[in-house]
C-alpha cells in the first residue's frame, strides 16, 4: 500500500469525521464517537488556549516564562491534529473479519431494499463501513435496524 502524506491523513480524518454517523447505538461499539467529539472540541477550544497561554505571559510581563508558554501553546495546537491523524489512520484500516461480515450484511440489506450504494468492497475499510452505516441510518427504518443494534 502506498504511504500517505501527513496532510492527506489529516484530510482523511476530516472526511471520516463528517462521514461517521454520530449515533448512540454505535457509541458503545466503536471509539470513533469519543474521538470525534474530543477532536471537534479541540478544534474549537485549543487555538484559544494557545493564544491565552502566550498572551497571559506577555500581559503580566513574565517574559522569562514565555518559552514554557510557547511549548504549552504548541501542545494545545497539536491536540486537534492528533485527533485528525488518528481518525485518518483509522479510516484507512481494513475491517476485521467480524466487522467485514457485518458490513456485507448491512450493504446487502440496503441494496435489496432498492437504495443506490457503491459496489461492495472485497477488503472493506472503516471509511466504507461509515458510509454504509450512514446510509442505513438514513434509509432503513428502525425495525430493520433492530437486528444489528
C-alpha atoms as a PDB file:
ATOM      1  CA  UNK A   1       0.000   0.000   0.000  1.00  0.00           C
ATOM      2  CA  UNK A   2       1.282   3.456  -0.889  1.00  0.00           C
ATOM      3  CA  UNK A   3       2.400   5.628   2.030  1.00  0.00           C
ATOM      4  CA  UNK A   4       0.131   8.642   2.524  1.00  0.00           C
ATOM      5  CA  UNK A   5       1.402  12.096   3.417  1.00  0.00           C
ATOM      6  CA  UNK A   6       0.584  13.538   6.821  1.00  0.00           C
ATOM      7  CA  UNK A   7      -1.610  16.213   5.198  1.00  0.00           C
ATOM      8  CA  UNK A   8      -3.588  13.540   3.378  1.00  0.00           C
ATOM      9  CA  UNK A   9      -4.018  11.728   6.719  1.00  0.00           C
ATOM     10  CA  UNK A  10      -5.471  14.931   8.210  1.00  0.00           C
ATOM     11  CA  UNK A  11      -7.825  15.331   5.240  1.00  0.00           C
ATOM     12  CA  UNK A  12      -8.882  11.692   5.523  1.00  0.00           C
ATOM     13  CA  UNK A  13      -9.546  12.307   9.222  1.00  0.00           C
ATOM     14  CA  UNK A  14     -11.743  15.303   8.455  1.00  0.00           C
ATOM     15  CA  UNK A  15     -13.677  13.356   5.819  1.00  0.00           C
ATOM     16  CA  UNK A  16     -14.092  10.395   8.158  1.00  0.00           C
ATOM     17  CA  UNK A  17     -15.253  12.708  10.935  1.00  0.00           C
ATOM     18  CA  UNK A  18     -18.039  14.054   8.718  1.00  0.00           C
ATOM     19  CA  UNK A  19     -18.947  10.610   7.345  1.00  0.00           C
ATOM     20  CA  UNK A  20     -19.160   8.655  10.611  1.00  0.00           C
ATOM     21  CA  UNK A  21     -22.751   8.573  11.939  1.00  0.00           C
ATOM     22  CA  UNK A  22     -22.843  10.033  15.457  1.00  0.00           C
ATOM     23  CA  UNK A  23     -25.463   7.663  16.836  1.00  0.00           C
ATOM     24  CA  UNK A  24     -25.764   6.420  20.400  1.00  0.00           C
ATOM     25  CA  UNK A  25     -26.157   2.849  19.136  1.00  0.00           C
ATOM     26  CA  UNK A  26     -22.607   2.945  17.778  1.00  0.00           C
ATOM     27  CA  UNK A  27     -21.014   4.741  20.747  1.00  0.00           C
ATOM     28  CA  UNK A  28     -20.696   1.558  22.797  1.00  0.00           C
ATOM     29  CA  UNK A  29     -19.212  -0.452  19.933  1.00  0.00           C
ATOM     30  CA  UNK A  30     -16.712   1.956  18.368  1.00  0.00           C
ATOM     31  CA  UNK A  31     -14.290   4.525  19.817  1.00  0.00           C
ATOM     32  CA  UNK A  32     -14.956   6.900  16.906  1.00  0.00           C
ATOM     33  CA  UNK A  33     -17.762   8.635  18.785  1.00  0.00           C
ATOM     34  CA  UNK A  34     -15.419   9.708  21.599  1.00  0.00           C
ATOM     35  CA  UNK A  35     -12.570  10.643  19.252  1.00  0.00           C
ATOM     36  CA  UNK A  36     -14.820  12.752  17.034  1.00  0.00           C
ATOM     37  CA  UNK A  37     -16.354  14.612  19.977  1.00  0.00           C
ATOM     38  CA  UNK A  38     -12.923  15.254  21.510  1.00  0.00           C
ATOM     39  CA  UNK A  39     -11.442  16.366  18.171  1.00  0.00           C
ATOM     40  CA  UNK A  40     -14.321  18.751  17.467  1.00  0.00           C
ATOM     41  CA  UNK A  41     -13.936  20.202  20.969  1.00  0.00           C
ATOM     42  CA  UNK A  42     -10.184  20.569  20.489  1.00  0.00           C
ATOM     43  CA  UNK A  43     -10.648  22.292  17.117  1.00  0.00           C
ATOM     44  CA  UNK A  44     -12.948  24.840  18.755  1.00  0.00           C
ATOM     45  CA  UNK A  45     -11.120  25.430  22.058  1.00  0.00           C
ATOM     46  CA  UNK A  46      -7.397  24.730  21.703  1.00  0.00           C
ATOM     47  CA  UNK A  47      -6.474  27.698  19.465  1.00  0.00           C
ATOM     48  CA  UNK A  48      -7.884  29.999  22.152  1.00  0.00           C
ATOM     49  CA  UNK A  49      -5.943  28.130  24.857  1.00  0.00           C
ATOM     50  CA  UNK A  50      -2.756  28.550  22.843  1.00  0.00           C
ATOM     51  CA  UNK A  51      -3.270  32.270  22.377  1.00  0.00           C
ATOM     52  CA  UNK A  52      -4.234  32.843  26.013  1.00  0.00           C
ATOM     53  CA  UNK A  53      -1.206  30.942  27.295  1.00  0.00           C
ATOM     54  CA  UNK A  54       1.169  33.215  25.372  1.00  0.00           C
ATOM     55  CA  UNK A  55      -0.717  36.479  25.841  1.00  0.00           C
ATOM     56  CA  UNK A  56      -1.098  35.980  29.590  1.00  0.00           C
ATOM     57  CA  UNK A  57       2.683  35.796  29.972  1.00  0.00           C
ATOM     58  CA  UNK A  58       3.115  38.915  27.880  1.00  0.00           C
ATOM     59  CA  UNK A  59       0.379  40.919  29.657  1.00  0.00           C
ATOM     60  CA  UNK A  60       1.791  40.153  33.104  1.00  0.00           C
ATOM     61  CA  UNK A  61       5.331  40.708  31.793  1.00  0.00           C
ATOM     62  CA  UNK A  62       6.590  37.239  32.694  1.00  0.00           C
ATOM     63  CA  UNK A  63       8.900  37.112  29.728  1.00  0.00           C
ATOM     64  CA  UNK A  64      11.088  34.522  31.435  1.00  0.00           C
ATOM     65  CA  UNK A  65       8.124  32.090  31.289  1.00  0.00           C
ATOM     66  CA  UNK A  66       7.423  32.761  27.627  1.00  0.00           C
ATOM     67  CA  UNK A  67       9.296  29.663  26.350  1.00  0.00           C
ATOM     68  CA  UNK A  68       7.178  27.368  28.558  1.00  0.00           C
ATOM     69  CA  UNK A  69       4.036  29.170  27.394  1.00  0.00           C
ATOM     70  CA  UNK A  70       5.072  28.649  23.770  1.00  0.00           C
ATOM     71  CA  UNK A  71       5.601  24.938  24.366  1.00  0.00           C
ATOM     72  CA  UNK A  72       2.198  24.728  26.028  1.00  0.00           C
ATOM     73  CA  UNK A  73       0.656  26.587  23.077  1.00  0.00           C
ATOM     74  CA  UNK A  74       2.252  24.183  20.606  1.00  0.00           C
ATOM     75  CA  UNK A  75       0.943  21.240  22.607  1.00  0.00           C
ATOM     76  CA  UNK A  76      -2.553  22.749  22.662  1.00  0.00           C
ATOM     77  CA  UNK A  77      -2.429  23.312  18.905  1.00  0.00           C
ATOM     78  CA  UNK A  78      -1.274  19.743  18.328  1.00  0.00           C
ATOM     79  CA  UNK A  79      -4.259  18.179  20.089  1.00  0.00           C
ATOM     80  CA  UNK A  80      -6.768  18.611  17.231  1.00  0.00           C
ATOM     81  CA  UNK A  81      -4.112  17.379  14.816  1.00  0.00           C
ATOM     82  CA  UNK A  82      -3.626  14.247  16.917  1.00  0.00           C
ATOM     83  CA  UNK A  83      -7.357  13.501  16.703  1.00  0.00           C
ATOM     84  CA  UNK A  84      -7.473  14.109  12.960  1.00  0.00           C
ATOM     85  CA  UNK A  85      -4.399  11.951  12.429  1.00  0.00           C
ATOM     86  CA  UNK A  86      -5.930   9.058  14.421  1.00  0.00           C
ATOM     87  CA  UNK A  87      -9.228   9.349  12.544  1.00  0.00           C
ATOM     88  CA  UNK A  88      -7.399   9.435   9.193  1.00  0.00           C
ATOM     89  CA  UNK A  89      -5.354   6.379  10.112  1.00  0.00           C
ATOM     90  CA  UNK A  90      -8.455   4.555  11.363  1.00  0.00           C
ATOM     91  CA  UNK A  91     -10.451   5.350   8.223  1.00  0.00           C
ATOM     92  CA  UNK A  92      -7.876   3.549   6.064  1.00  0.00           C
ATOM     93  CA  UNK A  93      -7.626   0.486   8.325  1.00  0.00           C
ATOM     94  CA  UNK A  94      -9.058  -2.741   6.932  1.00  0.00           C
ATOM     95  CA  UNK A  95     -12.009  -4.117   8.883  1.00  0.00           C
ATOM     96  CA  UNK A  96     -11.506  -7.247  10.967  1.00  0.00           C
ATOM     97  CA  UNK A  97     -13.370 -10.325   9.649  1.00  0.00           C
ATOM     98  CA  UNK A  98     -16.317  -9.999  12.058  1.00  0.00           C
ATOM     99  CA  UNK A  99     -16.943  -6.367  11.099  1.00  0.00           C
ATOM    100  CA  UNK A 100     -16.410  -7.149   7.415  1.00  0.00           C
ATOM    101  CA  UNK A 101     -19.214  -9.706   7.652  1.00  0.00           C
ATOM    102  CA  UNK A 102     -21.408  -7.130   9.378  1.00  0.00           C
ATOM    103  CA  UNK A 103     -20.566  -4.607   6.625  1.00  0.00           C
ATOM    104  CA  UNK A 104     -21.595  -7.119   3.948  1.00  0.00           C
ATOM    105  CA  UNK A 105     -24.905  -7.889   5.713  1.00  0.00           C
ATOM    106  CA  UNK A 106     -25.869  -4.229   6.048  1.00  0.00           C
ATOM    107  CA  UNK A 107     -24.710  -3.462   2.494  1.00  0.00           C
ATOM    108  CA  UNK A 108     -26.781  -6.364   1.170  1.00  0.00           C
ATOM    109  CA  UNK A 109     -29.857  -5.238   3.091  1.00  0.00           C
ATOM    110  CA  UNK A 110     -29.596  -1.677   1.746  1.00  0.00           C
ATOM    111  CA  UNK A 111     -29.194  -2.927  -1.827  1.00  0.00           C
ATOM    112  CA  UNK A 112     -32.127  -5.376  -1.521  1.00  0.00           C
ATOM    113  CA  UNK A 113     -34.306  -2.509  -0.271  1.00  0.00           C
ATOM    114  CA  UNK A 114     -33.596  -0.794  -3.591  1.00  0.00           C
ATOM    115  CA  UNK A 115     -31.331   2.047  -2.494  1.00  0.00           C
ATOM    116  CA  UNK A 116     -28.276   3.061  -4.511  1.00  0.00           C
ATOM    117  CA  UNK A 117     -24.910   2.329  -2.924  1.00  0.00           C
ATOM    118  CA  UNK A 118     -21.316   1.915  -4.022  1.00  0.00           C
ATOM    119  CA  UNK A 119     -20.351  -1.620  -5.018  1.00  0.00           C
ATOM    120  CA  UNK A 120     -19.342  -3.879  -2.146  1.00  0.00           C
ATOM    121  CA  UNK A 121     -15.604  -3.854  -1.450  1.00  0.00           C
ATOM    122  CA  UNK A 122     -13.651  -7.093  -1.168  1.00  0.00           C
ATOM    123  CA  UNK A 123     -11.443  -5.678   1.601  1.00  0.00           C
ATOM    124  CA  UNK A 124     -13.663  -3.059   3.280  1.00  0.00           C
ATOM    125  CA  UNK A 125     -12.125  -0.350   5.445  1.00  0.00           C
ATOM    126  CA  UNK A 126     -13.653   1.675   8.250  1.00  0.00           C
ATOM    127  CA  UNK A 127     -14.489   4.503   5.859  1.00  0.00           C
ATOM    128  CA  UNK A 128     -16.677   2.145   3.789  1.00  0.00           C
ATOM    129  CA  UNK A 129     -18.322   0.907   6.995  1.00  0.00           C
ATOM    130  CA  UNK A 130     -19.051   4.519   7.942  1.00  0.00           C
ATOM    131  CA  UNK A 131     -20.667   5.165   4.552  1.00  0.00           C
ATOM    132  CA  UNK A 132     -22.804   2.036   4.791  1.00  0.00           C
ATOM    133  CA  UNK A 133     -23.862   2.777   8.381  1.00  0.00           C
ATOM    134  CA  UNK A 134     -24.676   6.351   7.464  1.00  0.00           C
ATOM    135  CA  UNK A 135     -26.858   5.182   4.581  1.00  0.00           C
ATOM    136  CA  UNK A 136     -28.505   2.527   6.756  1.00  0.00           C
ATOM    137  CA  UNK A 137     -29.493   5.043   9.427  1.00  0.00           C
ATOM    138  CA  UNK A 138     -30.866   7.428   6.792  1.00  0.00           C
ATOM    139  CA  UNK A 139     -32.738   4.981   4.568  1.00  0.00           C
ATOM    140  CA  UNK A 140     -33.729   1.923   6.621  1.00  0.00           C
ATOM    141  CA  UNK A 141     -36.474   2.077   9.221  1.00  0.00           C
ATOM    142  CA  UNK A 142     -35.968   1.191  12.875  1.00  0.00           C
ATOM    143  CA  UNK A 143     -37.483  -2.284  12.618  1.00  0.00           C
ATOM    144  CA  UNK A 144     -34.874  -3.313  10.047  1.00  0.00           C
ATOM    145  CA  UNK A 145     -32.061  -1.803  12.138  1.00  0.00           C
ATOM    146  CA  UNK A 146     -33.063  -3.677  15.321  1.00  0.00           C
ATOM    147  CA  UNK A 147     -31.363  -6.798  14.016  1.00  0.00           C
ATOM    148  CA  UNK A 148     -27.931  -5.175  14.175  1.00  0.00           C
ATOM    149  CA  UNK A 149     -28.364  -2.718  17.030  1.00  0.00           C
END
